[in-house]
């Protein structure tokens, strides 16, 4: 039986593309972010929305490899791989970045859907001091955390770009 796995899939989905109780999901929020601000920041030396998406993709790919029980995969925090430098200059580049994010999320769903028992969630991730359940819940927390950053950047840039026509009413 996989009742807990199904609940985690539902939670991942609600946070990523559903209707969570606290507001917009990741993908709903991204629908409102114009590609023209994807590479902008509101504070010097901070991350852009595009870089946050690259970071989300990185950690989803990390989780995918852990869920596949790869033993040699590691991400150095604050590295170029953790926070890729991404500049979005066209609508096509923006859409491609969002598709990459959706593809990584979809792969997580596919892996979890193939698991046929909740016992998997109690297993410790190889080389880590946490379980697969903790890893999956961490993905939800990570999405929510960065969703807040995206919302902050969007609201700050909305004020700055008010007269530019980037944000249309």
Foldseek 3Di string as FASTA:
>chain_A
DAPVLVVLLVLLCCQACNPDPVGGHVVVLLVQQFLQQQQPFLDPPDGGVLQLLQLLLLLLVVLLCLLVLDAPDDDDPPDCNNRPNDRRDDPVSSVVSVVSSVVSSVSVVVSSVPDDDPVQQVDCRHPDPHGNVVSSVVSSVSRVVVSVVNVVRRVSVCVVCVPVCSRDD
